[in-house]
Full PDB file with SEQRES, HELIX, SHEET, SSBOND, CRYST1, ORIGX, SCALE, CONECT and MASTER records, all heavy atoms in Angstrom:
SEQRES   1 A   39  LYS MET ILE LEU ALA SER VAL LYS GLY PHE SER ASP GLY          
SEQRES   2 A   39  HIS HIS TYR GLU ASP LEU LYS VAL TYR GLU ASN VAL ALA          
SEQRES   3 A   39  GLN CYS ALA GLY GLY ALA ALA SER THR THR GLY PHE TRP          
HELIX    1 AA1 GLU A   23  ALA A   29  1                                   7    
HELIX    2 AA2 ALA A   32  THR A   35  1                                   4    
CRYST1    1.000    1.000    1.000  90.00  90.00  90.00 P 1           1          
ORIGX1      1.000000  0.000000  0.000000        0.00000                         
ORIGX2      0.000000  1.000000  0.000000        0.00000                         
ORIGX3      0.000000  0.000000  1.000000        0.00000                         
SCALE1      1.000000  0.000000  0.000000        0.00000                         
SCALE2      0.000000  1.000000  0.000000        0.00000                         
SCALE3      0.000000  0.000000  1.000000        0.00000                         
ATOM      1  N   LYS A   1     132.703  87.831  56.161  1.00  0.00           N  
ATOM      2  CA  LYS A   1     131.502  88.726  56.080  1.00  0.00           C  
ATOM      3  C   LYS A   1     130.177  88.045  56.596  1.00  0.00           C  
ATOM      4  O   LYS A   1     129.094  88.486  56.549  1.00  0.00           O  
ATOM      5  CB  LYS A   1     131.129  89.154  54.663  1.00  0.00           C  
ATOM      6  CG  LYS A   1     132.224  90.046  54.040  1.00  0.00           C  
ATOM      7  CD  LYS A   1     131.769  90.530  52.609  1.00  0.00           C  
ATOM      8  CE  LYS A   1     132.750  91.540  52.158  1.00  0.00           C  
ATOM      9  NZ  LYS A   1     132.294  92.157  50.884  1.00  0.00           N  
ATOM     10  N   MET A   2     130.471  86.782  57.250  1.00  0.00           N  
ATOM     11  CA  MET A   2     129.308  86.033  57.705  1.00  0.00           C  
ATOM     12  C   MET A   2     128.604  86.586  58.904  1.00  0.00           C  
ATOM     13  O   MET A   2     129.254  87.101  59.774  1.00  0.00           O  
ATOM     14  CB  MET A   2     129.728  84.560  58.058  1.00  0.00           C  
ATOM     15  CG  MET A   2     128.770  83.656  58.673  1.00  0.00           C  
ATOM     16  SD  MET A   2     127.398  83.323  57.524  1.00  0.00           S  
ATOM     17  CE  MET A   2     128.071  82.023  56.478  1.00  0.00           C  
ATOM     18  N   ILE A   3     127.207  86.586  58.865  1.00  0.00           N  
ATOM     19  CA  ILE A   3     126.417  86.924  60.023  1.00  0.00           C  
ATOM     20  C   ILE A   3     125.960  85.649  60.701  1.00  0.00           C  
ATOM     21  O   ILE A   3     125.281  84.817  60.018  1.00  0.00           O  
ATOM     22  CB  ILE A   3     125.209  87.732  59.635  1.00  0.00           C  
ATOM     23  CG1 ILE A   3     125.606  88.999  58.700  1.00  0.00           C  
ATOM     24  CG2 ILE A   3     124.404  88.149  60.810  1.00  0.00           C  
ATOM     25  CD1 ILE A   3     126.340  89.965  59.361  1.00  0.00           C  
ATOM     26  N   LEU A   4     126.407  85.444  61.875  1.00  0.00           N  
ATOM     27  CA  LEU A   4     126.046  84.192  62.658  1.00  0.00           C  
ATOM     28  C   LEU A   4     124.979  84.620  63.595  1.00  0.00           C  
ATOM     29  O   LEU A   4     125.133  85.368  64.626  1.00  0.00           O  
ATOM     30  CB  LEU A   4     127.236  83.724  63.410  1.00  0.00           C  
ATOM     31  CG  LEU A   4     127.013  82.424  64.258  1.00  0.00           C  
ATOM     32  CD1 LEU A   4     126.344  81.305  63.477  1.00  0.00           C  
ATOM     33  CD2 LEU A   4     128.187  81.966  64.994  1.00  0.00           C  
ATOM     34  N   ALA A   5     123.684  84.171  63.390  1.00  0.00           N  
ATOM     35  CA  ALA A   5     122.516  84.585  64.184  1.00  0.00           C  
ATOM     36  C   ALA A   5     122.161  83.413  65.030  1.00  0.00           C  
ATOM     37  O   ALA A   5     121.878  82.325  64.560  1.00  0.00           O  
ATOM     38  CB  ALA A   5     121.400  84.993  63.349  1.00  0.00           C  
ATOM     39  N   SER A   6     121.919  83.716  66.272  1.00  0.00           N  
ATOM     40  CA  SER A   6     121.527  82.553  67.327  1.00  0.00           C  
ATOM     41  C   SER A   6     120.314  82.924  68.029  1.00  0.00           C  
ATOM     42  O   SER A   6     120.138  84.086  68.593  1.00  0.00           O  
ATOM     43  CB  SER A   6     122.711  82.379  68.180  1.00  0.00           C  
ATOM     44  OG  SER A   6     123.880  82.141  67.543  1.00  0.00           O  
ATOM     45  N   VAL A   7     119.428  81.910  68.188  1.00  0.00           N  
ATOM     46  CA  VAL A   7     118.302  81.948  69.097  1.00  0.00           C  
ATOM     47  C   VAL A   7     118.734  81.244  70.357  1.00  0.00           C  
ATOM     48  O   VAL A   7     119.321  80.131  70.418  1.00  0.00           O  
ATOM     49  CB  VAL A   7     117.163  81.199  68.556  1.00  0.00           C  
ATOM     50  CG1 VAL A   7     115.975  81.101  69.598  1.00  0.00           C  
ATOM     51  CG2 VAL A   7     116.553  81.770  67.377  1.00  0.00           C  
ATOM     52  N   LYS A   8     118.527  81.898  71.524  1.00  0.00           N  
ATOM     53  CA  LYS A   8     119.000  81.261  72.782  1.00  0.00           C  
ATOM     54  C   LYS A   8     117.663  81.340  73.823  1.00  0.00           C  
ATOM     55  O   LYS A   8     116.820  82.127  73.425  1.00  0.00           O  
ATOM     56  CB  LYS A   8     120.106  82.160  73.420  1.00  0.00           C  
ATOM     57  CG  LYS A   8     121.361  82.185  72.505  1.00  0.00           C  
ATOM     58  CD  LYS A   8     122.443  83.000  73.246  1.00  0.00           C  
ATOM     59  CE  LYS A   8     123.704  82.975  72.467  1.00  0.00           C  
ATOM     60  NZ  LYS A   8     124.351  81.626  72.409  1.00  0.00           N  
ATOM     61  N   GLY A   9     117.821  80.537  74.840  1.00  0.00           N  
ATOM     62  CA  GLY A   9     116.778  80.594  75.875  1.00  0.00           C  
ATOM     63  C   GLY A   9     117.021  81.780  76.711  1.00  0.00           C  
ATOM     64  O   GLY A   9     116.082  82.607  76.928  1.00  0.00           O  
ATOM     65  N   PHE A  10     118.185  81.865  77.266  1.00  0.00           N  
ATOM     66  CA  PHE A  10     118.518  83.148  78.079  1.00  0.00           C  
ATOM     67  C   PHE A  10     119.793  83.618  77.483  1.00  0.00           C  
ATOM     68  O   PHE A  10     120.691  82.944  76.805  1.00  0.00           O  
ATOM     69  CB  PHE A  10     118.817  82.644  79.542  1.00  0.00           C  
ATOM     70  CG  PHE A  10     117.572  82.226  80.200  1.00  0.00           C  
ATOM     71  CD1 PHE A  10     117.269  80.863  80.188  1.00  0.00           C  
ATOM     72  CD2 PHE A  10     116.712  83.139  80.933  1.00  0.00           C  
ATOM     73  CE1 PHE A  10     116.129  80.353  80.769  1.00  0.00           C  
ATOM     74  CE2 PHE A  10     115.667  82.623  81.551  1.00  0.00           C  
ATOM     75  CZ  PHE A  10     115.404  81.351  81.575  1.00  0.00           C  
ATOM     76  N   SER A  11     120.098  84.908  77.684  1.00  0.00           N  
ATOM     77  CA  SER A  11     121.220  85.566  77.056  1.00  0.00           C  
ATOM     78  C   SER A  11     122.622  84.990  77.674  1.00  0.00           C  
ATOM     79  O   SER A  11     122.627  84.495  78.794  1.00  0.00           O  
ATOM     80  CB  SER A  11     121.211  87.073  77.351  1.00  0.00           C  
ATOM     81  OG  SER A  11     121.146  87.363  78.732  1.00  0.00           O  
ATOM     82  N   ASP A  12     123.636  85.177  76.916  1.00  0.00           N  
ATOM     83  CA  ASP A  12     125.023  84.681  77.385  1.00  0.00           C  
ATOM     84  C   ASP A  12     125.339  85.431  78.783  1.00  0.00           C  
ATOM     85  O   ASP A  12     125.081  86.657  79.032  1.00  0.00           O  
ATOM     86  CB  ASP A  12     126.122  85.265  76.359  1.00  0.00           C  
ATOM     87  CG  ASP A  12     126.001  84.377  75.148  1.00  0.00           C  
ATOM     88  OD1 ASP A  12     125.451  83.313  75.182  1.00  0.00           O  
ATOM     89  OD2 ASP A  12     126.531  84.937  73.996  1.00  0.00           O  
ATOM     90  N   GLY A  13     125.758  84.563  79.666  1.00  0.00           N  
ATOM     91  CA  GLY A  13     126.233  85.098  80.947  1.00  0.00           C  
ATOM     92  C   GLY A  13     125.030  85.106  81.987  1.00  0.00           C  
ATOM     93  O   GLY A  13     125.280  85.339  83.209  1.00  0.00           O  
ATOM     94  N   HIS A  14     123.799  84.749  81.389  1.00  0.00           N  
ATOM     95  CA  HIS A  14     122.720  84.690  82.469  1.00  0.00           C  
ATOM     96  C   HIS A  14     122.864  83.622  83.346  1.00  0.00           C  
ATOM     97  O   HIS A  14     123.477  82.485  83.094  1.00  0.00           O  
ATOM     98  CB  HIS A  14     121.420  84.619  81.624  1.00  0.00           C  
ATOM     99  CG  HIS A  14     120.135  84.853  82.422  1.00  0.00           C  
ATOM    100  ND1 HIS A  14     119.659  84.004  83.291  1.00  0.00           N  
ATOM    101  CD2 HIS A  14     119.318  85.882  82.260  1.00  0.00           C  
ATOM    102  CE1 HIS A  14     118.479  84.575  83.832  1.00  0.00           C  
ATOM    103  NE2 HIS A  14     118.292  85.765  83.149  1.00  0.00           N  
ATOM    104  N   HIS A  15     122.327  83.856  84.618  1.00  0.00           N  
ATOM    105  CA  HIS A  15     122.571  82.710  85.631  1.00  0.00           C  
ATOM    106  C   HIS A  15     121.619  81.408  85.228  1.00  0.00           C  
ATOM    107  O   HIS A  15     121.862  80.380  85.872  1.00  0.00           O  
ATOM    108  CB  HIS A  15     122.185  83.200  87.077  1.00  0.00           C  
ATOM    109  CG  HIS A  15     120.818  83.785  87.126  1.00  0.00           C  
ATOM    110  ND1 HIS A  15     120.378  85.030  86.783  1.00  0.00           N  
ATOM    111  CD2 HIS A  15     119.628  83.204  87.652  1.00  0.00           C  
ATOM    112  CE1 HIS A  15     119.208  85.324  87.050  1.00  0.00           C  
ATOM    113  NE2 HIS A  15     118.636  84.167  87.536  1.00  0.00           N  
ATOM    114  N   TYR A  16     120.770  81.547  84.238  1.00  0.00           N  
ATOM    115  CA  TYR A  16     120.007  80.397  83.758  1.00  0.00           C  
ATOM    116  C   TYR A  16     120.373  79.961  82.369  1.00  0.00           C  
ATOM    117  O   TYR A  16     119.633  79.227  81.780  1.00  0.00           O  
ATOM    118  CB  TYR A  16     118.465  80.799  83.729  1.00  0.00           C  
ATOM    119  CG  TYR A  16     117.868  80.816  85.102  1.00  0.00           C  
ATOM    120  CD1 TYR A  16     116.831  81.711  85.396  1.00  0.00           C  
ATOM    121  CD2 TYR A  16     118.280  79.978  86.134  1.00  0.00           C  
ATOM    122  CE1 TYR A  16     116.035  81.741  86.631  1.00  0.00           C  
ATOM    123  CE2 TYR A  16     117.571  79.984  87.393  1.00  0.00           C  
ATOM    124  CZ  TYR A  16     116.464  80.844  87.498  1.00  0.00           C  
ATOM    125  OH  TYR A  16     115.963  80.907  88.818  1.00  0.00           O  
ATOM    126  N   GLU A  17     121.524  80.466  81.927  1.00  0.00           N  
ATOM    127  CA  GLU A  17     121.838  80.111  80.517  1.00  0.00           C  
ATOM    128  C   GLU A  17     121.970  78.604  80.090  1.00  0.00           C  
ATOM    129  O   GLU A  17     121.888  78.208  79.008  1.00  0.00           O  
ATOM    130  CB  GLU A  17     123.204  80.853  80.089  1.00  0.00           C  
ATOM    131  CG  GLU A  17     124.441  80.393  80.767  1.00  0.00           C  
ATOM    132  CD  GLU A  17     125.652  81.023  80.175  1.00  0.00           C  
ATOM    133  OE1 GLU A  17     125.622  81.395  78.977  1.00  0.00           O  
ATOM    134  OE2 GLU A  17     126.588  81.241  80.996  1.00  0.00           O  
ATOM    135  N   ASP A  18     122.174  77.763  81.138  1.00  0.00           N  
ATOM    136  CA  ASP A  18     122.174  76.350  80.977  1.00  0.00           C  
ATOM    137  C   ASP A  18     120.789  75.719  80.820  1.00  0.00           C  
ATOM    138  O   ASP A  18     120.683  74.529  80.520  1.00  0.00           O  
ATOM    139  CB  ASP A  18     123.069  75.653  82.103  1.00  0.00           C  
ATOM    140  CG  ASP A  18     122.356  75.841  83.432  1.00  0.00           C  
ATOM    141  OD1 ASP A  18     121.955  77.046  83.788  1.00  0.00           O  
ATOM    142  OD2 ASP A  18     122.131  74.810  84.228  1.00  0.00           O  
ATOM    143  N   LEU A  19     119.683  76.433  81.191  1.00  0.00           N  
ATOM    144  CA  LEU A  19     118.403  75.866  81.186  1.00  0.00           C  
ATOM    145  C   LEU A  19     117.832  75.739  79.684  1.00  0.00           C  
ATOM    146  O   LEU A  19     118.076  76.646  78.824  1.00  0.00           O  
ATOM    147  CB  LEU A  19     117.468  76.751  81.927  1.00  0.00           C  
ATOM    148  CG  LEU A  19     117.559  76.709  83.475  1.00  0.00           C  
ATOM    149  CD1 LEU A  19     116.479  77.701  83.929  1.00  0.00           C  
ATOM    150  CD2 LEU A  19     117.232  75.376  83.959  1.00  0.00           C  
ATOM    151  N   LYS A  20     117.193  74.523  79.431  1.00  0.00           N  
ATOM    152  CA  LYS A  20     116.547  74.434  78.174  1.00  0.00           C  
ATOM    153  C   LYS A  20     115.219  75.321  78.255  1.00  0.00           C  
ATOM    154  O   LYS A  20     114.570  75.277  79.298  1.00  0.00           O  
ATOM    155  CB  LYS A  20     116.209  72.983  77.974  1.00  0.00           C  
ATOM    156  CG  LYS A  20     117.367  72.099  77.562  1.00  0.00           C  
ATOM    157  CD  LYS A  20     116.912  70.632  77.217  1.00  0.00           C  
ATOM    158  CE  LYS A  20     118.003  69.798  76.897  1.00  0.00           C  
ATOM    159  NZ  LYS A  20     117.615  68.475  76.474  1.00  0.00           N  
ATOM    160  N   VAL A  21     114.869  75.880  77.197  1.00  0.00           N  
ATOM    161  CA  VAL A  21     113.754  76.843  77.129  1.00  0.00           C  
ATOM    162  C   VAL A  21     112.851  76.484  76.070  1.00  0.00           C  
ATOM    163  O   VAL A  21     113.109  76.296  74.831  1.00  0.00           O  
ATOM    164  CB  VAL A  21     114.158  78.260  77.051  1.00  0.00           C  
ATOM    165  CG1 VAL A  21     113.034  79.249  76.831  1.00  0.00           C  
ATOM    166  CG2 VAL A  21     115.057  78.721  78.174  1.00  0.00           C  
ATOM    167  N   TYR A  22     111.508  76.331  76.374  1.00  0.00           N  
ATOM    168  CA  TYR A  22     110.514  76.126  75.366  1.00  0.00           C  
ATOM    169  C   TYR A  22     109.549  77.438  75.517  1.00  0.00           C  
ATOM    170  O   TYR A  22     109.645  78.242  76.319  1.00  0.00           O  
ATOM    171  CB  TYR A  22     109.724  74.772  75.534  1.00  0.00           C  
ATOM    172  CG  TYR A  22     110.583  73.678  75.181  1.00  0.00           C  
ATOM    173  CD1 TYR A  22     111.395  72.896  76.156  1.00  0.00           C  
ATOM    174  CD2 TYR A  22     110.624  73.246  73.852  1.00  0.00           C  
ATOM    175  CE1 TYR A  22     112.043  71.915  75.802  1.00  0.00           C  
ATOM    176  CE2 TYR A  22     111.455  72.004  73.557  1.00  0.00           C  
ATOM    177  CZ  TYR A  22     112.163  71.455  74.509  1.00  0.00           C  
ATOM    178  OH  TYR A  22     112.913  70.325  74.209  1.00  0.00           O  
ATOM    179  N   GLU A  23     108.417  77.382  74.754  1.00  0.00           N  
ATOM    180  CA  GLU A  23     107.477  78.434  74.664  1.00  0.00           C  
ATOM    181  C   GLU A  23     107.130  78.953  76.023  1.00  0.00           C  
ATOM    182  O   GLU A  23     107.237  80.112  76.402  1.00  0.00           O  
ATOM    183  CB  GLU A  23     106.344  78.124  73.768  1.00  0.00           C  
ATOM    184  CG  GLU A  23     105.166  79.094  73.799  1.00  0.00           C  
ATOM    185  CD  GLU A  23     105.482  80.460  73.152  1.00  0.00           C  
ATOM    186  OE1 GLU A  23     106.134  80.416  72.032  1.00  0.00           O  
ATOM    187  OE2 GLU A  23     105.219  81.441  73.771  1.00  0.00           O  
ATOM    188  N   ASN A  24     106.496  77.973  76.672  1.00  0.00           N  
ATOM    189  CA  ASN A  24     105.895  78.468  78.030  1.00  0.00           C  
ATOM    190  C   ASN A  24     106.896  78.840  79.119  1.00  0.00           C  
ATOM    191  O   ASN A  24     106.647  79.572  80.006  1.00  0.00           O  
ATOM    192  CB  ASN A  24     104.934  77.344  78.584  1.00  0.00           C  
ATOM    193  CG  ASN A  24     103.721  77.241  77.551  1.00  0.00           C  
ATOM    194  OD1 ASN A  24     103.393  78.137  76.804  1.00  0.00           O  
ATOM    195  ND2 ASN A  24     102.998  76.092  77.804  1.00  0.00           N  
ATOM    196  N   VAL A  25     108.069  78.132  78.909  1.00  0.00           N  
ATOM    197  CA  VAL A  25     109.132  78.512  79.984  1.00  0.00           C  
ATOM    198  C   VAL A  25     109.581  79.991  79.601  1.00  0.00           C  
ATOM    199  O   VAL A  25     109.818  80.783  80.645  1.00  0.00           O  
ATOM    200  CB  VAL A  25     110.405  77.615  79.713  1.00  0.00           C  
ATOM    201  CG1 VAL A  25     111.572  78.054  80.492  1.00  0.00           C  
ATOM    202  CG2 VAL A  25     110.037  76.183  80.016  1.00  0.00           C  
ATOM    203  N   ALA A  26     109.669  80.355  78.324  1.00  0.00           N  
ATOM    204  CA  ALA A  26     110.003  81.762  78.041  1.00  0.00           C  
ATOM    205  C   ALA A  26     108.995  82.762  78.484  1.00  0.00           C  
ATOM    206  O   ALA A  26     109.368  83.819  79.065  1.00  0.00           O  
ATOM    207  CB  ALA A  26     110.229  81.842  76.570  1.00  0.00           C  
ATOM    208  N   GLN A  27     107.672  82.461  78.406  1.00  0.00           N  
ATOM    209  CA  GLN A  27     106.701  83.318  78.865  1.00  0.00           C  
ATOM    210  C   GLN A  27     106.700  83.503  80.436  1.00  0.00           C  
ATOM    211  O   GLN A  27     106.497  84.612  80.835  1.00  0.00           O  
ATOM    212  CB  GLN A  27     105.273  82.783  78.464  1.00  0.00           C  
ATOM    213  CG  GLN A  27     104.923  82.756  76.850  1.00  0.00           C  
ATOM    214  CD  GLN A  27     103.538  82.651  76.722  1.00  0.00           C  
ATOM    215  OE1 GLN A  27     102.673  82.900  77.375  1.00  0.00           O  
ATOM    216  NE2 GLN A  27     103.245  81.925  75.545  1.00  0.00           N  
ATOM    217  N   CYS A  28     106.966  82.433  81.094  1.00  0.00           N  
ATOM    218  CA  CYS A  28     107.186  82.588  82.541  1.00  0.00           C  
ATOM    219  C   CYS A  28     108.447  83.329  82.831  1.00  0.00           C  
ATOM    220  O   CYS A  28     108.367  84.166  83.922  1.00  0.00           O  
ATOM    221  CB  CYS A  28     107.086  81.158  83.155  1.00  0.00           C  
ATOM    222  SG  CYS A  28     105.560  80.298  83.061  1.00  0.00           S  
ATOM    223  N   ALA A  29     109.477  83.157  82.255  1.00  0.00           N  
ATOM    224  CA  ALA A  29     110.674  83.736  82.469  1.00  0.00           C  
ATOM    225  C   ALA A  29     110.664  85.282  82.137  1.00  0.00           C  
ATOM    226  O   ALA A  29     111.444  86.041  82.765  1.00  0.00           O  
ATOM    227  CB  ALA A  29     111.881  83.088  81.909  1.00  0.00           C  
ATOM    228  N   GLY A  30     109.893  85.663  81.129  1.00  0.00           N  
ATOM    229  CA  GLY A  30     109.886  86.989  80.651  1.00  0.00           C  
ATOM    230  C   GLY A  30     108.784  87.834  81.257  1.00  0.00           C  
ATOM    231  O   GLY A  30     108.670  88.968  80.684  1.00  0.00           O  
ATOM    232  N   GLY A  31     108.030  87.417  82.220  1.00  0.00           N  
ATOM    233  CA  GLY A  31     107.029  88.327  82.770  1.00  0.00           C  
ATOM    234  C   GLY A  31     105.589  88.162  82.198  1.00  0.00           C  
ATOM    235  O   GLY A  31     104.701  88.876  82.711  1.00  0.00           O  
ATOM    236  N   ALA A  32     105.470  87.503  81.164  1.00  0.00           N  
ATOM    237  CA  ALA A  32     104.108  87.449  80.582  1.00  0.00           C  
ATOM    238  C   ALA A  32     103.208  86.635  81.371  1.00  0.00           C  
ATOM    239  O   ALA A  32     102.053  87.106  81.574  1.00  0.00           O  
ATOM    240  CB  ALA A  32     104.225  86.840  79.106  1.00  0.00           C  
ATOM    241  N   ALA A  33     103.601  85.482  81.792  1.00  0.00           N  
ATOM    242  CA  ALA A  33     102.673  84.595  82.613  1.00  0.00           C  
ATOM    243  C   ALA A  33     102.204  85.270  83.854  1.00  0.00           C  
ATOM    244  O   ALA A  33     101.043  85.199  84.436  1.00  0.00           O  
ATOM    245  CB  ALA A  33     103.311  83.226  82.937  1.00  0.00           C  
ATOM    246  N   SER A  34     103.095  85.956  84.570  1.00  0.00           N  
ATOM    247  CA  SER A  34     102.818  86.525  85.984  1.00  0.00           C  
ATOM    248  C   SER A  34     101.785  87.693  85.761  1.00  0.00           C  
ATOM    249  O   SER A  34     101.117  88.006  86.830  1.00  0.00           O  
ATOM    250  CB  SER A  34     103.964  87.040  86.687  1.00  0.00           C  
ATOM    251  OG  SER A  34     104.633  88.245  85.955  1.00  0.00           O  
ATOM    252  N   THR A  35     101.640  88.302  84.624  1.00  0.00           N  
ATOM    253  CA  THR A  35     100.749  89.351  84.354  1.00  0.00           C  
ATOM    254  C   THR A  35      99.541  88.963  83.556  1.00  0.00           C  
ATOM    255  O   THR A  35      98.729  89.875  83.245  1.00  0.00           O  
ATOM    256  CB  THR A  35     101.499  90.573  83.776  1.00  0.00           C  
ATOM    257  OG1 THR A  35     102.134  90.183  82.541  1.00  0.00           O  
ATOM    258  CG2 THR A  35     102.536  91.139  84.716  1.00  0.00           C  
ATOM    259  N   THR A  36      99.433  87.726  83.222  1.00  0.00           N  
ATOM    260  CA  THR A  36      98.286  87.297  82.432  1.00  0.00           C  
ATOM    261  C   THR A  36      97.337  86.369  83.179  1.00  0.00           C  
ATOM    262  O   THR A  36      97.897  85.513  84.032  1.00  0.00           O  
ATOM    263  CB  THR A  36      98.805  86.430  81.227  1.00  0.00           C  
ATOM    264  OG1 THR A  36      99.720  87.332  80.412  1.00  0.00           O  
ATOM    265  CG2 THR A  36      97.633  85.991  80.269  1.00  0.00           C  
ATOM    266  N   GLY A  37      96.056  86.440  83.102  1.00  0.00           N  
ATOM    267  CA  GLY A  37      95.101  85.670  83.723  1.00  0.00           C  
ATOM    268  C   GLY A  37      94.173  86.601  84.645  1.00  0.00           C  
ATOM    269  O   GLY A  37      94.259  87.808  84.630  1.00  0.00           O  
ATOM    270  N   PHE A  38      93.512  85.818  85.564  1.00  0.00           N  
ATOM    271  CA  PHE A  38      92.604  86.602  86.477  1.00  0.00           C  
ATOM    272  C   PHE A  38      93.319  86.661  87.899  1.00  0.00           C  
ATOM    273  O   PHE A  38      94.114  85.755  88.299  1.00  0.00           O  
ATOM    274  CB  PHE A  38      91.234  85.904  86.589  1.00  0.00           C  
ATOM    275  CG  PHE A  38      90.459  86.293  85.320  1.00  0.00           C  
ATOM    276  CD1 PHE A  38      90.656  85.618  84.204  1.00  0.00           C  
ATOM    277  CD2 PHE A  38      89.533  87.387  85.416  1.00  0.00           C  
ATOM    278  CE1 PHE A  38      89.879  85.952  82.977  1.00  0.00           C  
ATOM    279  CE2 PHE A  38      88.796  87.662  84.308  1.00  0.00           C  
ATOM    280  CZ  PHE A  38      89.027  87.009  83.094  1.00  0.00           C  
ATOM    281  N   TRP A  39      92.965  87.666  88.588  1.00  0.00           N  
ATOM    282  CA  TRP A  39      93.616  88.016  89.844  1.00  0.00           C  
ATOM    283  C   TRP A  39      93.397  86.909  90.929  1.00  0.00           C  
ATOM    284  O   TRP A  39      94.217  86.687  91.881  1.00  0.00           O  
ATOM    285  CB  TRP A  39      93.053  89.230  90.361  1.00  0.00           C  
ATOM    286  CG  TRP A  39      91.566  89.455  90.354  1.00  0.00           C  
ATOM    287  CD1 TRP A  39      90.687  89.031  91.292  1.00  0.00           C  
ATOM    288  CD2 TRP A  39      90.857  89.943  89.243  1.00  0.00           C  
ATOM    289  NE1 TRP A  39      89.420  89.381  90.881  1.00  0.00           N  
ATOM    290  CE2 TRP A  39      89.379  89.848  89.586  1.00  0.00           C  
ATOM    291  CE3 TRP A  39      91.180  90.401  87.983  1.00  0.00           C  
ATOM    292  CZ2 TRP A  39      88.363  90.324  88.785  1.00  0.00           C  
ATOM    293  CZ3 TRP A  39      90.130  90.929  87.086  1.00  0.00           C  
ATOM    294  CH2 TRP A  39      88.826  90.819  87.601  1.00  0.00           C  
TER     295      TRP A  39                                                      
MASTER        0    0    0    2    0    0    0    6  294    1    0    3          
END                                                                             
């Protein structure tokens, strides 16, 4: 009945799944950084 919950950087099978991910890496990979800031 165990629930095994995992935090990952990239999802299983992703071409970047071997990369280590921290906060700002995730923001850049997830589209937040490219759309934040001034033009």
